[in-house]
Amino acid sequence: MNFDVIIAGSGLAGLYAAINLPKNLKILIISKRELILCNSALAQGGVAAVYETDPFEDDISTHREDTLRAGGYKNNPETLDILVSEAGKDIEAIINMGVNFDKNPDGSLHRTLEGGHSKRRIFHHKDATGFEIVSKLLEYVKTLENVEISDNSLLCQLVRTATGFSANILRNGEYIPAHSRFMILATGGIGRVYEYTTNSAVATGDGIAFAYELGAKIRNLSLVQFHPTAFNNRNTRECFLISEAVRGEGAYLINQKGERFMNKYDERLELAPRDVVSHAIIHESRRQGSDEFYLDISHKDSGFLREHFPMIYKNLLEQGFDLTKDAIPIFPCQHYLMGGISVNRHSETDIQGLYAAGECAFTGVHGNNRLASNSLLEALVFSRIAAEDIARKAMEISGELVRHVFTNDTDKPAIPHGFRTEIRHILQQSYFVLPDMESVRRGLPRIKEIYRQLVEGDYLINADYVEAKSLATVAWLILEEVARKWM
């Protein structure tokens, strides 16, 4: 179990990093659950990019300006320039790997529109773009002889050594040590720290917690994006998304009176960026004394809707709603993290050899709010850049790996029941779209106490422990930032 590179996470960033690493490097990909279970695969809208001859007269500077505007001009200009200028390179690369983006009748690539974009620049596969990309890249990675994939494998511990890193992995009840020169954290988001999220079950912030424990800098963890149009059935913790592209194709947001209301809040109406729309819904909710809101695109051609949004159409039918006829109940929901593990322009943290890519990383490209469909693009561009930087450095390294020896006592007690449920409730009450400072004052000390108990307690290291400690770490860092900003 000696490797040149260990990648924690089998989503888009992890897979694309493995693809771009040199074929002479031995690579291990750790996937916490089944390989296709990740936030990347849930992404509906698409990939924003300026690529090839553009029929909509788009250009890189316009993509850059739209991203800056959505991010409140708090974006990192250096990494943003990399994102928008290198986008076309990675779009072309994944097309060559078999990714099938939708096309126009003339065979050209179709582009759709989403909130915050001034041009049609979203490349997509129906309304299941993330699944299309991840599944095709996974097929490609499985052909690489230098890459080993370990699914249903939990990263339990990560230790820095004199020559790199040692990882303690729990798979099928057995603890397996693995060692490497370089480590890429591509563990995705933090959605499961909230009671309601669009994120998959694996999004517990593990990579951020491990990086924090190693001493890496974590930045802007309170920059949490709440998607304005998650399906609102008031029952399930994992809420499926009504894609930004539905509004891009003409859907209206209406309140409980059946009235459009975005004209009161932003001149871009339904095509305002996500934070603007989410804030508008919350303000309108307070003004109307109701949390009943709907997305209505029934005025569009039914055949067009079924063709362009087949997954959303199917999911809604299963819930008793017809996208072509009904107003769909929606409400904001935790969706994405703009902050994370601080990395430089090469995707490396301030710990030598430790890289982060995808949602768990803070590159600064999104500023205070992510522009729709820039997330898959960020995962592509900066995971490739991490791979390129590792390739350069690996050429200069030789010698034996130093291996940390883990002690695994399976007789230790399990953590007390209910920690994760309590953490989620505190975050949901304290920091949902707008902060509730009284809830922050009450909740922060309790989160700190849970974190202290988990870190200092001598508990069995299993999935419950690792995820509870990750959630406690993330919740603590978020509320600490919120308290500093608003108290």
Protein backbone atom coordinates (compact mmCIF):
# COMPACT_ATOMS: atom_id res chain seq x y z
CA MET A 1 0.00 0.00 0.00
CA ASN A 2 2.74 2.44 -0.99
CA PHE A 3 1.66 5.06 -3.54
CA ASP A 4 2.95 8.19 -5.16
CA VAL A 5 -0.43 9.93 -4.77
CA ILE A 6 -3.49 9.18 -2.64
CA ILE A 7 -6.72 10.92 -3.70
CA ALA A 8 -9.52 11.11 -1.14
CA GLY A 9 -12.76 11.36 -3.13
CA SER A 10 -14.11 9.84 -6.34
CA GLY A 11 -16.13 12.79 -7.59
CA LEU A 12 -15.21 14.95 -10.56
CA ALA A 13 -12.12 16.55 -8.96
CA GLY A 14 -10.70 13.24 -7.75
CA LEU A 15 -11.25 11.41 -11.03
CA TYR A 16 -9.95 14.22 -13.23
CA ALA A 17 -6.84 14.63 -11.07
CA ALA A 18 -6.09 10.91 -11.50
CA ILE A 19 -6.54 11.18 -15.26
CA ASN A 20 -4.11 14.08 -15.50
CA LEU A 21 -1.40 12.62 -13.30
CA PRO A 22 1.53 10.96 -15.13
CA LYS A 23 1.00 7.30 -15.96
CA ASN A 24 4.26 6.34 -14.24
CA LEU A 25 2.88 7.39 -10.84
CA LYS A 26 1.07 4.86 -8.67
CA ILE A 27 -2.26 6.31 -7.54
CA LEU A 28 -4.91 5.28 -5.01
CA ILE A 29 -8.44 6.75 -5.11
CA ILE A 30 -10.41 6.35 -1.89
CA SER A 31 -14.21 6.48 -2.27
CA LYS A 32 -16.17 6.64 0.99
CA ARG A 33 -19.22 4.88 -0.45
CA GLU A 34 -20.15 3.58 -3.90
CA LEU A 35 -18.18 5.27 -6.66
CA ILE A 36 -20.97 7.29 -8.27
CA LEU A 37 -22.30 8.71 -4.96
CA CYS A 38 -20.99 12.27 -4.87
CA ASN A 39 -22.16 15.85 -5.25
CA SER A 40 -20.61 16.02 -8.72
CA ALA A 41 -22.97 13.33 -9.99
CA LEU A 42 -25.99 15.24 -8.64
CA ALA A 43 -25.13 18.41 -10.57
CA GLN A 44 -27.93 19.13 -13.03
CA GLY A 45 -27.25 22.40 -14.84
CA GLY A 46 -23.92 22.00 -16.60
CA VAL A 47 -20.46 23.48 -17.07
CA ALA A 48 -20.04 27.20 -17.74
CA ALA A 49 -17.31 27.90 -20.28
CA VAL A 50 -16.35 29.91 -23.34
CA TYR A 51 -15.39 27.30 -25.91
CA GLU A 52 -15.04 27.15 -29.69
CA THR A 53 -16.81 29.56 -32.04
CA ASP A 54 -19.52 31.17 -29.97
CA PRO A 55 -22.86 31.95 -31.65
CA PHE A 56 -23.86 34.10 -28.68
CA GLU A 57 -20.89 36.46 -28.97
CA ASP A 58 -19.57 35.43 -25.60
CA ASP A 59 -15.97 35.89 -24.52
CA ILE A 60 -13.70 35.16 -21.58
CA SER A 61 -13.86 38.72 -20.22
CA THR A 62 -17.67 38.55 -20.08
CA HIS A 63 -17.58 35.21 -18.24
CA ARG A 64 -15.09 36.79 -15.85
CA GLU A 65 -17.29 39.83 -15.26
CA ASP A 66 -20.40 37.73 -14.65
CA THR A 67 -18.46 35.67 -12.09
CA LEU A 68 -17.18 38.81 -10.38
CA ARG A 69 -20.63 40.34 -10.24
CA ALA A 70 -22.17 37.20 -8.73
CA GLY A 71 -19.32 37.02 -6.21
CA GLY A 72 -19.71 40.61 -5.07
CA TYR A 73 -16.30 41.43 -6.57
CA LYS A 74 -14.64 39.53 -3.72
CA ASN A 75 -13.18 36.92 -6.07
CA ASN A 76 -9.46 36.15 -6.29
CA PRO A 77 -8.54 37.79 -9.64
CA GLU A 78 -5.54 35.53 -10.29
CA THR A 79 -7.37 32.21 -9.88
CA LEU A 80 -10.47 33.58 -11.60
CA ASP A 81 -8.40 34.43 -14.67
CA ILE A 82 -7.10 30.85 -14.68
CA LEU A 83 -10.64 29.47 -14.37
CA VAL A 84 -12.20 31.34 -17.28
CA SER A 85 -9.17 31.33 -19.60
CA GLU A 86 -8.43 27.59 -19.27
CA ALA A 87 -12.06 26.40 -19.32
CA GLY A 88 -12.05 25.53 -23.02
CA LYS A 89 -9.05 23.21 -22.62
CA ASP A 90 -10.91 21.01 -20.14
CA ILE A 91 -14.24 21.07 -22.00
CA GLU A 92 -12.42 19.74 -25.05
CA ALA A 93 -10.58 17.13 -22.98
CA ILE A 94 -13.70 15.61 -21.43
CA ILE A 95 -15.51 15.61 -24.77
CA ASN A 96 -12.60 13.59 -26.13
CA MET A 97 -13.08 11.18 -23.21
CA GLY A 98 -16.65 10.54 -24.29
CA VAL A 99 -18.72 13.12 -22.41
CA ASN A 100 -21.83 13.71 -24.50
CA PHE A 101 -23.04 17.30 -24.26
CA ASP A 102 -26.39 18.14 -25.88
CA LYS A 103 -26.23 19.40 -29.46
CA ASN A 104 -28.29 21.63 -31.72
CA PRO A 105 -29.91 20.20 -34.88
CA ASP A 106 -26.88 21.39 -36.89
CA GLY A 107 -24.53 19.37 -34.68
CA SER A 108 -23.07 22.31 -32.76
CA LEU A 109 -22.93 22.20 -28.97
CA HIS A 110 -26.06 23.56 -27.31
CA ARG A 111 -25.67 26.20 -24.61
CA THR A 112 -28.29 27.10 -22.05
CA LEU A 113 -28.71 30.12 -19.75
CA GLU A 114 -28.70 30.26 -15.95
CA GLY A 115 -29.09 32.91 -13.25
CA GLY A 116 -26.31 35.50 -13.15
CA HIS A 117 -25.05 34.74 -16.67
CA SER A 118 -25.41 37.41 -19.33
CA LYS A 119 -24.78 34.91 -22.15
CA ARG A 120 -25.75 31.36 -22.99
CA ARG A 121 -22.57 29.49 -22.05
CA ILE A 122 -23.74 26.43 -20.11
CA PHE A 123 -22.77 23.13 -21.74
CA HIS A 124 -25.05 20.37 -20.51
CA HIS A 125 -26.38 16.84 -20.90
CA LYS A 126 -30.16 17.20 -20.46
CA ASP A 127 -30.57 17.99 -16.74
CA ALA A 128 -28.09 15.35 -15.57
CA THR A 129 -24.76 16.85 -16.60
CA GLY A 130 -22.85 15.87 -13.49
CA PHE A 131 -23.85 12.22 -13.77
CA GLU A 132 -22.88 12.15 -17.45
CA ILE A 133 -19.42 13.60 -16.78
CA VAL A 134 -18.64 11.56 -13.66
CA SER A 135 -19.81 8.26 -15.19
CA LYS A 136 -17.75 8.80 -18.37
CA LEU A 137 -14.63 9.83 -16.44
CA LEU A 138 -15.05 6.88 -14.10
CA GLU A 139 -15.10 4.53 -17.10
CA TYR A 140 -11.91 6.18 -18.34
CA VAL A 141 -10.14 5.95 -14.96
CA LYS A 142 -10.94 2.23 -14.73
CA THR A 143 -8.81 1.70 -17.84
CA LEU A 144 -5.72 3.24 -16.24
CA GLU A 145 -3.31 0.58 -15.03
CA ASN A 146 -1.57 2.94 -12.61
CA VAL A 147 -4.76 3.79 -10.70
CA GLU A 148 -6.25 1.64 -7.95
CA ILE A 149 -9.79 2.49 -6.77
CA SER A 150 -11.00 1.47 -3.33
CA ASP A 151 -14.75 1.96 -2.91
CA ASN A 152 -16.73 1.78 0.35
CA SER A 153 -13.51 2.87 2.03
CA LEU A 154 -13.55 5.38 4.87
CA LEU A 155 -10.53 7.62 5.45
CA CYS A 156 -10.32 7.43 9.26
CA GLN A 157 -7.03 9.15 10.02
CA LEU A 158 -4.48 11.18 8.06
CA VAL A 159 -0.97 11.71 9.39
CA ARG A 160 1.87 13.75 7.95
CA THR A 161 5.22 11.92 7.78
CA ALA A 162 8.76 12.95 6.92
CA THR A 163 8.24 11.90 3.30
CA GLY A 164 4.52 12.54 2.77
CA PHE A 165 1.38 11.09 4.32
CA SER A 166 -0.03 7.97 5.90
CA ALA A 167 -3.74 7.22 5.72
CA ASN A 168 -5.73 4.83 7.89
CA ILE A 169 -8.56 3.38 5.79
CA LEU A 170 -11.52 1.34 7.06
CA ARG A 171 -12.89 -1.09 4.48
CA ASN A 172 -15.21 -4.03 5.15
CA GLY A 173 -14.45 -3.86 8.85
CA GLU A 174 -10.67 -3.94 8.34
CA TYR A 175 -8.23 -1.08 8.93
CA ILE A 176 -5.78 -0.75 6.04
CA PRO A 177 -2.80 1.64 6.13
CA ALA A 178 -1.71 3.40 2.94
CA HIS A 179 1.25 5.70 2.39
CA SER A 180 2.10 8.30 -0.25
CA ARG A 181 4.33 11.19 -1.31
CA PHE A 182 1.40 13.43 -2.16
CA MET A 183 -2.21 13.72 -0.97
CA ILE A 184 -5.14 15.28 -2.82
CA LEU A 185 -8.26 16.01 -0.79
CA ALA A 186 -11.28 15.98 -3.11
CA THR A 187 -13.91 15.11 -0.54
CA GLY A 188 -16.64 17.50 -1.65
CA GLY A 189 -18.99 19.63 0.40
CA ILE A 190 -20.45 19.97 3.88
CA GLY A 191 -24.18 19.72 3.21
CA ARG A 192 -24.87 17.10 5.87
CA VAL A 193 -24.01 19.63 8.57
CA TYR A 194 -27.51 21.04 7.85
CA GLU A 195 -30.91 19.46 8.44
CA TYR A 196 -31.87 20.07 4.81
CA THR A 197 -29.46 19.97 1.89
CA THR A 198 -29.24 19.12 -1.80
CA ASN A 199 -25.97 17.26 -1.09
CA SER A 200 -25.36 13.52 -1.12
CA ALA A 201 -24.94 11.43 2.02
CA VAL A 202 -21.12 11.56 1.82
CA ALA A 203 -20.92 15.38 2.09
CA THR A 204 -19.82 15.63 5.71
CA GLY A 205 -16.76 17.87 5.31
CA ASP A 206 -14.23 15.11 6.07
CA GLY A 207 -11.44 16.57 3.96
CA ILE A 208 -11.78 19.98 5.60
CA ALA A 209 -11.62 18.39 9.05
CA PHE A 210 -8.51 16.36 8.18
CA ALA A 211 -6.79 19.41 6.68
CA TYR A 212 -7.63 21.44 9.79
CA GLU A 213 -6.18 18.73 12.05
CA LEU A 214 -2.97 18.74 10.01
CA GLY A 215 -2.68 22.50 10.47
CA ALA A 216 -3.71 23.65 6.99
CA LYS A 217 -5.40 27.02 6.72
CA ILE A 218 -9.21 26.97 6.38
CA ARG A 219 -10.77 30.11 4.94
CA ASN A 220 -14.26 31.60 4.60
CA LEU A 221 -16.15 28.54 5.78
CA SER A 222 -19.18 30.72 6.50
CA LEU A 223 -19.57 31.39 2.76
CA VAL A 224 -22.35 28.83 2.40
CA GLN A 225 -24.56 28.99 -0.68
CA PHE A 226 -28.27 28.29 -0.33
CA HIS A 227 -29.90 27.32 -3.60
CA PRO A 228 -33.20 29.19 -4.01
CA THR A 229 -35.16 26.47 -5.80
CA ALA A 230 -34.90 23.13 -4.01
CA PHE A 231 -38.08 21.05 -4.17
CA ASN A 232 -39.99 21.64 -0.95
CA ASN A 233 -41.92 18.60 0.20
CA ARG A 234 -41.22 19.39 3.90
CA ASN A 235 -40.41 15.75 4.61
CA THR A 236 -36.99 14.63 3.33
CA ARG A 237 -33.58 15.78 4.56
CA GLU A 238 -31.99 15.41 1.11
CA CYS A 239 -33.88 17.81 -1.17
CA PHE A 240 -33.57 17.38 -4.92
CA LEU A 241 -32.83 20.44 -6.96
CA ILE A 242 -34.93 22.26 -9.52
CA SER A 243 -32.06 23.31 -11.76
CA GLU A 244 -31.03 26.91 -12.35
CA ALA A 245 -31.56 26.15 -16.02
CA VAL A 246 -35.33 25.95 -15.48
CA ARG A 247 -35.32 29.64 -14.61
CA GLY A 248 -32.87 30.17 -17.44
CA GLU A 249 -35.48 28.81 -19.84
CA GLY A 250 -38.21 31.12 -18.54
CA ALA A 251 -39.68 29.86 -15.23
CA TYR A 252 -41.34 32.35 -12.90
CA LEU A 253 -40.98 32.55 -9.12
CA ILE A 254 -44.32 33.16 -7.43
CA ASN A 255 -45.48 33.60 -3.84
CA GLN A 256 -48.45 32.01 -2.07
CA LYS A 257 -50.79 34.51 -3.79
CA GLY A 258 -49.63 33.37 -7.21
CA GLU A 259 -47.78 36.66 -7.79
CA ARG A 260 -44.32 37.15 -9.26
CA PHE A 261 -42.25 39.10 -6.74
CA MET A 262 -38.62 39.33 -7.92
CA ASN A 263 -39.27 42.78 -9.40
CA LYS A 264 -39.28 44.11 -5.82
CA TYR A 265 -35.75 42.89 -5.19
CA ASP A 266 -33.62 42.86 -8.36
CA GLU A 267 -33.87 44.13 -11.92
CA ARG A 268 -32.65 40.76 -13.23
CA LEU A 269 -35.81 39.16 -11.82
CA GLU A 270 -35.64 35.33 -11.78
CA LEU A 271 -32.20 35.40 -13.43
CA ALA A 272 -30.50 37.14 -10.51
CA PRO A 273 -27.66 35.18 -8.83
CA ARG A 274 -28.52 32.55 -6.26
CA ASP A 275 -27.81 34.56 -3.12
CA VAL A 276 -29.96 37.43 -4.38
CA VAL A 277 -32.90 35.13 -5.13
CA SER A 278 -32.56 33.23 -1.84
CA HIS A 279 -32.47 36.48 0.14
CA ALA A 280 -35.49 37.75 -1.82
CA ILE A 281 -37.48 34.62 -0.97
CA ILE A 282 -36.67 34.96 2.74
CA HIS A 283 -37.59 38.67 2.76
CA GLU A 284 -40.79 37.98 0.83
CA SER A 285 -41.58 35.14 3.23
CA ARG A 286 -41.32 37.50 6.18
CA ARG A 287 -43.33 40.19 4.38
CA GLN A 288 -46.13 37.77 3.46
CA GLY A 289 -45.98 35.70 6.64
CA SER A 290 -45.74 32.52 4.56
CA ASP A 291 -43.09 30.06 3.41
CA GLU A 292 -45.11 28.86 0.42
CA PHE A 293 -43.24 29.62 -2.80
CA TYR A 294 -43.45 28.10 -6.24
CA LEU A 295 -41.58 27.81 -9.52
CA ASP A 296 -43.86 27.91 -12.57
CA ILE A 297 -42.80 27.11 -16.13
CA SER A 298 -46.13 25.67 -17.27
CA HIS A 299 -46.44 28.47 -19.85
CA LYS A 300 -43.62 26.87 -21.91
CA ASP A 301 -44.08 24.09 -24.47
CA SER A 302 -44.61 20.78 -22.68
CA GLY A 303 -42.57 18.80 -25.21
CA PHE A 304 -39.63 21.17 -24.77
CA LEU A 305 -39.77 20.77 -20.98
CA ARG A 306 -39.89 16.98 -21.07
CA GLU A 307 -37.01 16.90 -23.57
CA HIS A 308 -34.73 19.34 -21.73
CA PHE A 309 -35.51 18.41 -18.11
CA PRO A 310 -36.28 14.66 -18.13
CA MET A 311 -34.83 13.90 -14.70
CA ILE A 312 -36.57 16.83 -13.00
CA TYR A 313 -39.82 15.96 -14.80
CA LYS A 314 -39.58 12.32 -13.65
CA ASN A 315 -38.66 13.19 -10.05
CA LEU A 316 -41.53 15.65 -9.77
CA LEU A 317 -44.05 13.19 -11.21
CA GLU A 318 -43.04 10.75 -8.48
CA GLN A 319 -43.90 13.48 -5.96
CA GLY A 320 -47.26 14.20 -7.58
CA PHE A 321 -46.34 17.29 -9.62
CA ASP A 322 -46.26 17.80 -13.39
CA LEU A 323 -43.60 20.30 -14.46
CA THR A 324 -45.56 21.03 -17.65
CA LYS A 325 -48.79 21.89 -15.79
CA ASP A 326 -48.20 22.65 -12.12
CA ALA A 327 -46.51 25.31 -10.03
CA ILE A 328 -43.75 23.45 -8.16
CA PRO A 329 -43.26 24.11 -4.41
CA ILE A 330 -39.72 25.34 -3.73
CA PHE A 331 -37.72 26.93 -0.93
CA PRO A 332 -34.03 27.76 -0.38
CA CYS A 333 -31.84 24.89 0.82
CA GLN A 334 -28.16 24.45 1.68
CA HIS A 335 -26.36 23.66 -1.55
CA TYR A 336 -22.68 24.61 -1.86
CA LEU A 337 -19.61 25.84 0.01
CA MET A 338 -17.52 28.70 -1.40
CA GLY A 339 -14.94 28.54 1.41
CA GLY A 340 -12.79 25.59 2.40
CA ILE A 341 -9.17 24.45 2.51
CA SER A 342 -7.04 27.38 1.41
CA VAL A 343 -4.92 26.58 -1.65
CA ASN A 344 -2.58 28.54 -3.91
CA ARG A 345 -2.82 28.87 -7.69
CA HIS A 346 -1.39 25.34 -8.00
CA SER A 347 -4.09 23.87 -5.71
CA GLU A 348 -1.53 23.19 -2.97
CA THR A 349 -2.24 23.98 0.68
CA ASP A 350 0.29 25.60 2.99
CA ILE A 351 1.36 22.05 3.92
CA GLN A 352 3.90 20.77 1.40
CA GLY A 353 2.53 17.91 -0.69
CA LEU A 354 -1.08 18.36 0.49
CA TYR A 355 -3.48 19.48 -2.26
CA ALA A 356 -7.21 20.16 -2.31
CA ALA A 357 -9.57 20.42 -5.27
CA GLY A 358 -13.27 20.73 -5.87
CA GLU A 359 -15.82 21.94 -3.35
CA CYS A 360 -13.64 21.27 -0.30
CA ALA A 361 -11.00 23.70 -1.61
CA PHE A 362 -10.97 27.48 -1.34
CA THR A 363 -9.47 28.85 -4.55
CA GLY A 364 -11.24 32.20 -4.24
CA VAL A 365 -12.74 32.02 -7.72
CA HIS A 366 -16.34 32.33 -6.48
CA GLY A 367 -16.00 35.33 -4.19
CA ASN A 368 -18.97 35.67 -1.82
CA ASN A 369 -21.38 33.71 -4.01
CA ARG A 370 -20.84 31.10 -6.70
CA LEU A 371 -22.09 31.79 -10.21
CA ALA A 372 -24.22 28.90 -11.46
CA SER A 373 -22.32 26.07 -13.24
CA ASN A 374 -18.89 27.35 -12.26
CA SER A 375 -18.51 24.51 -9.75
CA LEU A 376 -17.94 21.64 -12.17
CA LEU A 377 -15.61 23.95 -14.10
CA GLU A 378 -13.59 24.73 -10.97
CA ALA A 379 -13.32 21.02 -10.16
CA LEU A 380 -11.98 20.31 -13.65
CA VAL A 381 -9.52 23.18 -13.99
CA PHE A 382 -7.96 23.09 -10.54
CA SER A 383 -7.76 19.31 -10.15
CA ARG A 384 -5.84 19.25 -13.45
CA ILE A 385 -3.59 22.03 -12.16
CA ALA A 386 -2.95 20.04 -8.96
CA ALA A 387 -2.00 17.02 -11.06
CA GLU A 388 0.35 19.11 -13.20
CA ASP A 389 2.07 20.55 -10.12
CA ILE A 390 2.50 17.11 -8.57
CA ALA A 391 3.91 15.81 -11.86
CA ARG A 392 6.61 18.49 -11.79
CA LYS A 393 7.57 17.85 -8.16
CA ALA A 394 7.45 14.05 -8.37
CA MET A 395 10.31 14.07 -10.88
CA GLU A 396 12.64 15.42 -8.18
CA ILE A 397 11.74 12.94 -5.40
CA SER A 398 13.18 9.50 -4.69
CA GLY A 399 13.91 7.23 -1.74
CA GLU A 400 11.89 5.12 0.68
CA LEU A 401 8.59 6.26 2.16
CA VAL A 402 8.35 6.83 5.89
CA ARG A 403 5.29 4.92 7.10
CA HIS A 404 3.26 5.82 10.18
CA VAL A 405 2.02 2.86 12.24
CA PHE A 406 -1.62 3.20 13.31
CA THR A 407 -3.03 1.53 16.41
CA ASN A 408 -6.59 0.33 15.96
CA ASP A 409 -8.41 -0.72 19.14
CA THR A 410 -11.80 -2.15 18.20
CA ASP A 411 -12.84 -2.57 21.84
CA LYS A 412 -13.31 1.16 22.41
CA PRO A 413 -16.87 2.45 23.01
CA ALA A 414 -18.92 4.03 20.21
CA ILE A 415 -19.72 7.74 20.39
CA PRO A 416 -22.89 8.78 22.26
CA HIS A 417 -26.01 8.73 20.09
CA GLY A 418 -27.41 11.99 18.71
CA PHE A 419 -24.36 14.19 18.16
CA ARG A 420 -24.88 14.56 14.40
CA THR A 421 -28.60 15.29 14.75
CA GLU A 422 -27.88 17.99 17.34
CA ILE A 423 -25.17 19.60 15.19
CA ARG A 424 -27.50 19.76 12.17
CA HIS A 425 -30.28 21.34 14.20
CA ILE A 426 -27.97 24.01 15.62
CA LEU A 427 -26.64 24.98 12.17
CA GLN A 428 -30.11 25.04 10.59
CA GLN A 429 -31.41 27.34 13.32
CA SER A 430 -28.31 29.55 13.52
CA TYR A 431 -27.26 30.14 9.94
CA PHE A 432 -29.82 29.56 7.21
CA VAL A 433 -29.61 32.19 4.40
CA LEU A 434 -29.50 34.96 7.03
CA PRO A 435 -27.84 34.47 10.44
CA ASP A 436 -29.93 34.26 13.61
CA MET A 437 -27.49 35.74 16.09
CA GLU A 438 -29.39 34.65 19.19
CA SER A 439 -29.24 31.05 17.95
CA VAL A 440 -25.53 31.53 17.21
CA ARG A 441 -24.92 32.70 20.79
CA ARG A 442 -26.71 29.66 22.19
CA GLY A 443 -25.39 27.14 19.68
CA LEU A 444 -21.69 27.95 19.42
CA PRO A 445 -20.75 26.91 22.98
CA ARG A 446 -22.61 23.62 22.53
CA ILE A 447 -20.85 22.90 19.24
CA LYS A 448 -17.51 23.57 20.91
CA GLU A 449 -18.39 21.16 23.69
CA ILE A 450 -19.36 18.41 21.22
CA TYR A 451 -16.12 18.97 19.32
CA ARG A 452 -14.06 18.83 22.54
CA GLN A 453 -15.80 15.64 23.66
CA LEU A 454 -15.16 13.94 20.31
CA VAL A 455 -11.50 14.98 20.08
CA GLU A 456 -10.61 14.23 23.70
CA GLY A 457 -12.82 11.17 24.11
CA ASP A 458 -11.37 7.72 23.54
CA TYR A 459 -13.97 6.42 21.07
CA LEU A 460 -14.05 3.69 18.45
CA ILE A 461 -12.87 5.12 15.13
CA ASN A 462 -15.63 4.20 12.71
CA ALA A 463 -17.92 6.01 10.25
CA ASP A 464 -20.10 7.48 13.02
CA TYR A 465 -17.07 8.90 14.80
CA VAL A 466 -15.30 10.27 11.72
CA GLU A 467 -18.41 11.96 10.31
CA ALA A 468 -19.53 13.37 13.67
CA LYS A 469 -16.07 14.84 14.24
CA SER A 470 -16.04 16.29 10.73
CA LEU A 471 -19.47 17.88 11.20
CA ALA A 472 -18.50 19.28 14.60
CA THR A 473 -15.30 20.76 13.13
CA VAL A 474 -17.14 22.35 10.22
CA ALA A 475 -20.01 23.67 12.36
CA TRP A 476 -17.61 25.15 14.89
CA LEU A 477 -15.54 26.93 12.22
CA ILE A 478 -18.67 28.26 10.47
CA LEU A 479 -20.25 29.67 13.62
CA GLU A 480 -16.94 31.14 14.80
CA GLU A 481 -16.76 33.07 11.53
CA VAL A 482 -20.40 34.12 11.72
CA ALA A 483 -19.88 35.39 15.28
CA ARG A 484 -16.82 37.40 14.22
CA LYS A 485 -18.66 38.95 11.26
CA TRP A 486 -21.96 39.86 12.85
CA MET A 487 -21.49 40.11 16.64
